[in-house]
Amino acid sequence: MNTPAPRALLIVPLVASLLMLAPFTVDAYLPSFPTIAQEFGVDGAAMQQTLSIYLWFFGGLMLVHGPLSDTFGRKRTVLIALFVYALASVGAALAQSLSELIYARIGQGIAAGAGVVIGRALVRDLFQGATAQRVMSNVMLVFAAAPAVAPIVGGALEVVFGWRSVFWFLAGFALLLIVGVARFMPETVGEHNRQPLALIFVLKSYGRALTHAPFIGLTLVFALLFSGLFLYIAAAPAVLIDHLGQSPTDFWKFFVPLVTGLILGSRVSNFLSRRASPLQTVTWGLVLTGLAVIYNLAQSFWFVSGDDSLWWTVSPITLYAMGMATAMPALTLMGLDYIPAQRGLASALQGFIQMGLAGIVSAFVVAKLATHLTWLAMGMLVLWALAAVLWGLWLQWAPKLGFASEGAGGFAK
C-alpha cells in the first residue's frame, strides 16, 4: 500500500531507533575494552568473545523473532523483546566477572535482533517500489548516526562514570523505545494474514528460503559487504589505540567519518531510487566499495606513522561505508520481495546470515588480522571480492532461476 507522507515522517525515526539499538549494543562499549579487560584480568581475545557471542545470539534469535512477528504481530513481539533487552543490560551493568558479562551479552543478543527484523519488515509492509527504497534510505540516514554517536557516548560515560554506566545507558535507551513503540508503532499484521507458528511449517519455510538461490544470493552479497566494514568496526580498539595511538575518547575520529560515509550513501540511494533501477543501484554501490578497497590496500602498504596517519587509515573506510549504504536498501528490499507473505521470516534470515558472518569475522578473523593494518586491508579485499563475484553470478543466473517474487502468497501458499 502507498502510505501518506505524515506516516512516513513518523515511521522513519521509529524504525531507525529500533535498528539503532543493535549498533549501540556493539559500539558503545568498545572504548571500554581495555578497562573491562583490566578489571576482569583478561586479554583482548577474551574481550572479543563478548562481541562475537553477542553477534551469534543476535543473529540466531532473529530466526525466532521473524516467525513470531508473522504470527503474533510486529508490535507485541518487539515490546516483549525490548523488555528482555532492558533486563539483560541491567545484568551487564552489574556483572562481576567476564562470564557474567558474557551471559548478560547473550541476553542482549537474544532480544536486540527483534528491532532489526521487525523494523525492516515494517517498512516493506507499509511501502512499495521506489517509495520503499526512499523510506529505507531515510531510515539508513537516521540509523547511520548510531555507529558515530555510540562510541562517543560510551567513551565519555566510561571516562566520567566508569564502564558500567554504558550498560545502564543501554537499559534506559530500551525503556525509551518501549514507550515509543507502544505509542506510535502501527500493527501491520492483521488477524486475517497471520501465519501459523507450527514448527514444521516454520522449518519448511526456512528450508524453502535457504534453497531459494536468488534470495540467498542477495542476502550473501550484503552480508559480505557488511562484514568487510564490520572487520574494521570490531578491530577499532586495536586500530585506534594500538596502531594510531589514540585514547578511548578519540573513537569519534574513526566513527564520525564512517557515519558520514553511511549518510552520503543513503542520500545516493535515495537519489538513485528515482533515476535508476535497483540492479543499477547495487552495481554502483559495489563500484564505490571496490574503489575504497583498492585505495585502502594501497594506503596500507605506504602507511607511515605521523600526524596524517589517521586520515589515510580512515578515509577509505568512509568511502567503503558510502558504497555499502548505497547498495543496502535495494539489496534488502529485493530480497524481501521474494517472500511477501512472510516478510518477518525473510528479514530474520537476512539478519541471521548478516550477523552470523559478522560474528565469524569477529571471533576468528579480527584478532589475527588486527596486528597489521595491511592484513586488515587484505581481509576487506577478500570479503568485497566474494561479494562482487556473487553479484555477477546473481545478475547472470537470477533471471533464469526466477527473478520475480514468489507472488502474493510467497512461501505461505
Foldseek 3Di string as FASTA:
>chain_A
DADDPVLLVLLLVLLLLLLLLVLLLQQQLVLCQVVQCVQQVHDNLLSLLLRLLLLQLLLVLLLVLQLCCLAVFLLVSLLVLLVQLLVLLLQCLPDDHSVSNSVSSSSNSNRSNSSQLSSLLLLVLHHDALVSLLSVLSSLLSNLCSNLVNLLNSLVCCVPPRNSVSSVVSSVSSVVSSVSSVPRPDTRNDPVQRDDPPPVLSVVQVVVQVPLVLLVLLLLLLLLLLLLLLLCSLLVVLVCCVVQNHHSNCSSLQSVLQSVLSNLLSVLLNVCSVPHDLLVQLVQLLVQLVVLLVQQLVCLVVQDHDPCNSVSNRVSSSSSSSSSNSNPSSSLSLSLQQAVSRSSSSSSNSSSSNSNSNSCCSNPPNVVQSVGSNSSSVSSVVSSVVSVVSSVVSVVCVVVSPSGHPPPRRSVD
